[in-house]
């Protein structure tokens, strides 16, 4: 029986994939499988993965004939996974030796639906630790209790899918798949759904994932239209949270986070291509009008004046029928 399935999407990461694969060799076990999803790479990544398939035990190699984005690639891996537990790694990140065995031991000891971990952020040669914004460690909790408060960073703001491990029962309940086709912010509806609907989770102070930040090909570094998928992602968060039994308590947190991300993108709008910048403004204006207006007003009153003013101007902007439909 496969104990752990590790899902690793790859797309045009020939420069970094060798480090990723080397670190996986230090995390093998007879009951582990590694599901490589090549999302239609156009560089040397397919050749690198073909060699790894021959050299690394437990590899399941899948290739997309069309690029679908990270969410779709992860879903392919989830559908192929046979493990009792699942976890993720991105194709340009890497692991400490024996990290996965220790991560598996942690969730087996705790017996919960999912476990979240800290990670190491790597920007060039600089290293820093990013911690799950949850003070209680090694204690099983109700994930709903970790969503609030609205005015502080909480576990739903720590949306990295690879910073944790997940029991197969979450797949069986329809909670582990991502929204197909999302090219950025794909972790946001996913982490909110986990915290609203899973039954138990814990955080542990286990370091072992090295997250490579500032990669030139990363969507966080590219100002193109794919970045605007954050609007579709957060629209989903708002819609699903509005239908929750505790919507009155949870919506302020969801709206506040949406507004903060929107203000962030608008504050650095010069990095977008001109046509994308115009679309960002129009889509953001329409999104503000879709939010629950009473909650939005309270959120903007509590924001810093610069960001609140930026959003209020957009909120007053006329919205065309074409933009609403988009």
Protein backbone atom coordinates (compact mmCIF):
# COMPACT_ATOMS: atom_id res chain seq x y z
CA UNK A 1 0.00 0.00 0.00
CA UNK A 2 1.22 3.51 -0.83
CA UNK A 3 1.50 5.53 2.36
CA UNK A 4 2.36 8.95 0.87
CA UNK A 5 1.74 10.48 -2.57
CA UNK A 6 3.88 13.51 -3.40
CA UNK A 7 2.41 15.64 -6.22
CA UNK A 8 4.98 17.76 -8.08
CA UNK A 9 3.89 19.93 -11.04
CA UNK A 10 6.63 21.05 -13.42
CA UNK A 11 6.48 23.76 -16.07
CA UNK A 12 9.59 25.13 -17.80
CA UNK A 13 11.85 24.77 -14.76
CA UNK A 14 14.92 23.20 -16.38
CA UNK A 15 17.17 25.48 -14.30
CA UNK A 16 15.70 24.36 -10.97
CA UNK A 17 14.30 20.86 -11.51
CA UNK A 18 17.66 19.09 -10.86
CA UNK A 19 17.77 20.55 -7.33
CA UNK A 20 14.15 19.55 -6.74
CA UNK A 21 14.79 15.99 -7.93
CA UNK A 22 18.01 15.66 -5.93
CA UNK A 23 16.11 16.62 -2.78
CA UNK A 24 13.40 14.05 -3.55
CA UNK A 25 16.07 11.34 -3.70
CA UNK A 26 16.78 12.17 -0.07
CA UNK A 27 13.11 11.61 0.76
CA UNK A 28 12.37 8.22 -0.80
CA UNK A 29 10.77 5.26 0.92
CA UNK A 30 9.36 2.00 -0.39
CA UNK A 31 5.80 3.12 0.36
CA UNK A 32 6.16 6.62 -1.15
CA UNK A 33 5.19 7.60 -4.70
CA UNK A 34 6.17 10.76 -6.57
CA UNK A 35 3.67 11.99 -9.16
CA UNK A 36 5.39 14.27 -11.67
CA UNK A 37 2.96 16.32 -13.73
CA UNK A 38 4.68 18.01 -16.66
CA UNK A 39 2.29 20.81 -17.61
CA UNK A 40 3.35 20.85 -21.28
CA UNK A 41 6.84 22.27 -20.74
CA UNK A 42 8.61 23.64 -23.82
CA UNK A 43 12.18 23.65 -22.47
CA UNK A 44 14.40 20.74 -21.33
CA UNK A 45 12.17 19.87 -18.37
CA UNK A 46 10.62 16.76 -20.07
CA UNK A 47 14.06 15.25 -20.68
CA UNK A 48 15.09 15.91 -17.08
CA UNK A 49 11.93 14.21 -15.81
CA UNK A 50 12.39 11.24 -18.16
CA UNK A 51 15.84 10.61 -16.66
CA UNK A 52 14.48 11.02 -13.13
CA UNK A 53 11.76 8.47 -13.86
CA UNK A 54 14.47 5.89 -14.52
CA UNK A 55 16.60 6.83 -11.52
CA UNK A 56 14.13 7.71 -8.75
CA UNK A 57 11.99 4.93 -7.21
CA UNK A 58 8.22 5.38 -7.05
CA UNK A 59 7.83 7.89 -9.90
CA UNK A 60 4.54 8.23 -11.78
CA UNK A 61 5.13 10.53 -14.77
CA UNK A 62 2.19 12.34 -16.40
CA UNK A 63 2.44 14.86 -19.23
CA UNK A 64 -0.24 17.37 -20.19
CA UNK A 65 -0.65 17.91 -23.92
CA UNK A 66 -1.86 21.45 -23.19
CA UNK A 67 -0.69 23.85 -20.49
CA UNK A 68 -3.44 24.16 -17.89
CA UNK A 69 -1.80 25.97 -15.01
CA UNK A 70 -0.81 24.96 -11.50
CA UNK A 71 -4.30 24.21 -10.19
CA UNK A 72 -5.09 21.86 -13.06
CA UNK A 73 -1.70 20.14 -12.77
CA UNK A 74 -2.22 19.54 -9.06
CA UNK A 75 -5.68 18.12 -9.75
CA UNK A 76 -4.16 15.67 -12.24
CA UNK A 77 -1.77 14.54 -9.53
CA UNK A 78 -4.55 14.18 -6.95
CA UNK A 79 -6.54 12.02 -9.37
CA UNK A 80 -3.52 9.75 -9.89
CA UNK A 81 -2.55 9.54 -6.22
CA UNK A 82 -2.93 6.21 -4.40
CA UNK A 83 -1.50 7.21 -1.02
CA UNK A 84 -3.20 7.24 2.35
CA UNK A 85 -1.74 10.75 2.68
CA UNK A 86 -0.97 13.40 0.06
CA UNK A 87 1.37 16.35 -0.09
CA UNK A 88 2.67 18.79 -2.70
CA UNK A 89 5.92 20.31 -3.89
CA UNK A 90 6.49 22.85 -6.65
CA UNK A 91 8.97 21.99 -9.39
CA UNK A 92 11.35 24.86 -8.53
CA UNK A 93 11.49 24.29 -4.75
CA UNK A 94 13.41 21.68 -2.73
CA UNK A 95 13.43 19.71 0.52
CA UNK A 96 15.65 18.90 3.46
CA UNK A 97 16.72 15.23 3.68
CA UNK A 98 14.15 12.94 5.36
CA UNK A 99 11.58 15.75 5.58
CA UNK A 100 8.68 13.70 4.23
CA UNK A 101 9.16 10.79 6.66
CA UNK A 102 9.12 13.27 9.55
CA UNK A 103 6.07 15.05 8.15
CA UNK A 104 4.24 11.76 7.75
CA UNK A 105 5.13 10.76 11.32
CA UNK A 106 3.70 14.06 12.59
CA UNK A 107 0.25 13.62 11.04
CA UNK A 108 0.08 9.94 11.98
CA UNK A 109 0.80 10.84 15.61
CA UNK A 110 -1.78 13.65 15.63
CA UNK A 111 -4.45 11.72 13.72
CA UNK A 112 -6.06 14.81 12.15
CA UNK A 113 -7.31 15.68 8.66
CA UNK A 114 -4.36 17.91 7.77
CA UNK A 115 -1.19 19.37 9.22
CA UNK A 116 0.41 22.71 8.31
CA UNK A 117 4.13 23.43 8.56
CA UNK A 118 6.53 26.37 8.54
CA UNK A 119 8.92 26.80 5.60
CA UNK A 120 12.17 28.48 4.55
CA UNK A 121 11.95 31.38 2.09
CA UNK A 122 14.95 31.56 -0.26
CA UNK A 123 15.53 34.85 -2.10
CA UNK A 124 18.85 34.57 -3.94
CA UNK A 125 21.26 33.69 -1.08
CA UNK A 126 19.08 35.13 1.70
CA UNK A 127 17.18 32.68 3.92
CA UNK A 128 14.29 33.49 6.25
CA UNK A 129 11.69 31.42 8.08
CA UNK A 130 7.97 31.85 7.36
CA UNK A 131 5.78 30.50 10.13
CA UNK A 132 2.16 29.41 10.08
CA UNK A 133 0.24 32.27 11.78
CA UNK A 134 -1.10 29.97 14.46
CA UNK A 135 0.40 30.05 17.93
CA UNK A 136 -0.65 26.60 19.14
CA UNK A 137 1.67 23.87 17.89
CA UNK A 138 1.19 20.12 17.99
CA UNK A 139 -2.42 20.44 19.18
CA UNK A 140 -5.40 19.17 17.17
CA UNK A 141 -7.92 21.97 16.57
CA UNK A 142 -11.11 22.76 14.67
CA UNK A 143 -10.01 24.45 11.40
CA UNK A 144 -12.97 26.88 11.57
CA UNK A 145 -11.56 28.29 14.80
CA UNK A 146 -8.37 29.31 12.97
CA UNK A 147 -10.05 31.55 10.34
CA UNK A 148 -10.56 34.56 12.60
CA UNK A 149 -9.88 37.24 13.77
CA UNK A 150 -10.55 39.34 10.70
CA UNK A 151 -7.98 42.03 11.47
CA UNK A 152 -4.98 39.71 11.92
CA UNK A 153 -3.11 37.25 9.74
CA UNK A 154 -4.47 33.76 10.36
CA UNK A 155 -4.10 30.26 9.00
CA UNK A 156 -6.26 30.96 5.91
CA UNK A 157 -3.76 33.64 4.90
CA UNK A 158 -0.98 31.04 4.87
CA UNK A 159 -2.23 29.44 1.67
CA UNK A 160 0.77 27.39 0.52
CA UNK A 161 -0.46 23.92 -0.44
CA UNK A 162 3.05 22.45 -0.18
CA UNK A 163 3.38 23.57 3.46
CA UNK A 164 1.52 20.61 4.86
CA UNK A 165 0.20 17.06 4.52
CA UNK A 166 -3.37 15.88 3.97
CA UNK A 167 -5.30 12.68 4.71
CA UNK A 168 -6.98 10.90 1.81
CA UNK A 169 -10.40 11.33 3.42
CA UNK A 170 -10.21 14.98 2.32
CA UNK A 171 -10.04 13.78 -1.30
CA UNK A 172 -12.99 11.48 -0.70
CA UNK A 173 -14.99 14.41 0.72
CA UNK A 174 -14.17 16.64 -2.27
CA UNK A 175 -12.08 19.07 -0.25
CA UNK A 176 -8.58 18.69 -1.70
CA UNK A 177 -9.05 19.53 -5.38
CA UNK A 178 -8.30 23.03 -6.66
CA UNK A 179 -10.49 25.23 -8.86
CA UNK A 180 -9.58 24.05 -12.33
CA UNK A 181 -7.84 26.57 -14.57
CA UNK A 182 -6.83 29.13 -11.93
CA UNK A 183 -3.35 30.38 -12.82
CA UNK A 184 -2.72 32.41 -9.69
CA UNK A 185 -4.20 32.54 -6.17
CA UNK A 186 -5.27 28.93 -6.71
CA UNK A 187 -4.46 28.19 -3.05
CA UNK A 188 -6.91 30.79 -1.71
CA UNK A 189 -10.33 29.16 -2.33
CA UNK A 190 -8.66 25.84 -1.50
CA UNK A 191 -7.38 26.86 1.96
CA UNK A 192 -10.67 28.56 2.85
CA UNK A 193 -12.62 25.44 1.87
CA UNK A 194 -10.32 23.27 4.00
CA UNK A 195 -10.78 25.49 7.02
CA UNK A 196 -14.53 25.77 6.62
CA UNK A 197 -15.26 22.10 5.94
CA UNK A 198 -12.51 19.83 7.29
CA UNK A 199 -12.95 18.52 10.82
CA UNK A 200 -9.49 18.73 12.35
CA UNK A 201 -6.02 20.14 11.77
CA UNK A 202 -2.80 21.01 13.55
CA UNK A 203 0.33 23.05 12.96
CA UNK A 204 3.85 21.80 13.66
CA UNK A 205 7.19 23.57 13.83
CA UNK A 206 8.79 21.32 11.23
CA UNK A 207 11.12 22.98 8.72
CA UNK A 208 11.98 21.17 5.51
CA UNK A 209 10.48 22.93 2.49
CA UNK A 210 12.70 25.52 0.79
CA UNK A 211 10.55 27.94 -1.19
CA UNK A 212 12.42 29.64 -4.02
CA UNK A 213 11.14 33.21 -4.24
CA UNK A 214 11.81 35.71 -7.02
CA UNK A 215 12.03 33.17 -9.86
CA UNK A 216 11.84 35.16 -13.09
CA UNK A 217 9.26 32.84 -14.67
CA UNK A 218 6.99 32.85 -11.60
CA UNK A 219 3.58 34.48 -12.05
CA UNK A 220 4.27 36.61 -8.98
CA UNK A 221 7.05 38.25 -11.01
CA UNK A 222 5.14 38.61 -14.30
CA UNK A 223 2.64 41.42 -14.87
CA UNK A 224 0.46 39.67 -17.43
CA UNK A 225 -3.23 38.82 -17.59
CA UNK A 226 -2.83 35.53 -15.71
CA UNK A 227 -2.23 37.54 -12.53
CA UNK A 228 -5.84 38.73 -12.70
CA UNK A 229 -7.10 35.26 -11.82
CA UNK A 230 -6.89 36.42 -8.19
CA UNK A 231 -10.26 38.09 -8.84
CA UNK A 232 -11.91 34.84 -9.87
CA UNK A 233 -10.25 33.08 -6.93
CA UNK A 234 -11.49 35.57 -4.35
CA UNK A 235 -14.93 35.82 -5.93
CA UNK A 236 -15.16 32.10 -5.18
CA UNK A 237 -14.03 32.66 -1.58
CA UNK A 238 -16.71 35.33 -1.09
CA UNK A 239 -19.47 33.30 -2.75
CA UNK A 240 -18.75 30.13 -0.77
CA UNK A 241 -18.23 31.96 2.52
CA UNK A 242 -21.50 33.86 2.04
CA UNK A 243 -23.28 30.49 1.92
CA UNK A 244 -21.62 29.28 5.14
CA UNK A 245 -23.63 28.89 8.34
CA UNK A 246 -21.34 31.46 10.00
CA UNK A 247 -21.30 33.90 7.08
CA UNK A 248 -21.93 36.91 9.32
CA UNK A 249 -18.76 36.13 11.28
CA UNK A 250 -16.52 34.97 8.43
CA UNK A 251 -17.36 37.38 5.60
CA UNK A 252 -15.51 40.38 7.11
CA UNK A 253 -12.30 38.32 7.06
CA UNK A 254 -12.87 37.18 3.45
CA UNK A 255 -13.72 40.70 2.23
CA UNK A 256 -10.82 42.27 4.09
CA UNK A 257 -8.35 39.81 2.56
CA UNK A 258 -9.80 40.33 -0.93
CA UNK A 259 -9.51 44.11 -0.54
CA UNK A 260 -5.93 43.87 0.74
CA UNK A 261 -4.83 41.76 -2.24
CA UNK A 262 -6.66 44.03 -4.66
CA UNK A 263 -5.06 47.14 -3.15
CA UNK A 264 -1.66 45.47 -3.36
CA UNK A 265 -2.01 44.85 -7.10
CA UNK A 266 -3.39 48.34 -7.73
CA UNK A 267 -0.52 49.84 -5.75
CA UNK A 268 2.02 48.25 -8.09
CA UNK A 269 -0.03 48.62 -11.26
CA UNK A 270 2.94 50.00 -13.22
CA UNK A 271 4.40 46.48 -13.51
CA UNK A 272 1.44 45.37 -15.62
CA UNK A 273 1.20 45.78 -19.36
CA UNK A 274 -1.05 48.82 -20.16
CA UNK A 275 -3.96 46.74 -21.42
CA UNK A 276 -3.75 44.45 -18.39
CA UNK A 277 -3.60 47.47 -16.05
CA UNK A 278 -6.82 48.81 -17.56
CA UNK A 279 -8.44 45.41 -17.18
CA UNK A 280 -7.26 45.20 -13.57
CA UNK A 281 -8.98 48.49 -12.76
CA UNK A 282 -12.24 47.58 -14.51
CA UNK A 283 -12.42 44.06 -13.05
CA UNK A 284 -11.57 45.34 -9.58
CA UNK A 285 -14.30 47.98 -9.83
CA UNK A 286 -16.85 45.34 -10.80
CA UNK A 287 -15.64 43.03 -8.02
CA UNK A 288 -16.09 45.73 -5.38
CA UNK A 289 -19.68 46.17 -6.50
CA UNK A 290 -20.30 42.41 -6.17
CA UNK A 291 -19.13 42.26 -2.58
CA UNK A 292 -21.65 42.53 0.28
CA UNK A 293 -21.78 46.31 0.49
CA UNK A 294 -22.38 46.65 4.22
CA UNK A 295 -19.38 44.44 4.98
CA UNK A 296 -17.26 46.23 2.37
CA UNK A 297 -18.05 49.65 3.90
CA UNK A 298 -16.95 48.45 7.34
CA UNK A 299 -13.78 46.92 5.94
CA UNK A 300 -12.77 50.07 4.06
CA UNK A 301 -13.44 52.20 7.16
CA UNK A 302 -10.90 50.06 9.03
CA UNK A 303 -8.20 50.12 6.32
CA UNK A 304 -5.35 52.59 6.13
CA UNK A 305 -6.40 55.81 4.33
CA UNK A 306 -4.23 55.32 1.23
CA UNK A 307 -5.54 51.86 0.36
CA UNK A 308 -9.11 52.75 1.34
CA UNK A 309 -9.07 55.83 -0.89
CA UNK A 310 -7.76 53.79 -3.82
CA UNK A 311 -10.58 51.28 -3.46
CA UNK A 312 -13.30 53.90 -2.91
CA UNK A 313 -12.38 55.59 -6.18
CA UNK A 314 -12.73 52.29 -7.99
CA UNK A 315 -15.99 51.52 -6.21
CA UNK A 316 -17.49 54.76 -7.59
CA UNK A 317 -16.29 54.02 -11.12
CA UNK A 318 -19.05 53.19 -13.63
CA UNK A 319 -19.01 49.54 -14.67
CA UNK A 320 -19.97 48.38 -18.17
CA UNK A 321 -22.09 45.30 -18.80
CA UNK A 322 -19.11 43.71 -20.57
CA UNK A 323 -16.91 44.10 -17.49
CA UNK A 324 -19.56 42.62 -15.18
CA UNK A 325 -19.89 39.62 -17.50
CA UNK A 326 -16.10 39.13 -17.47
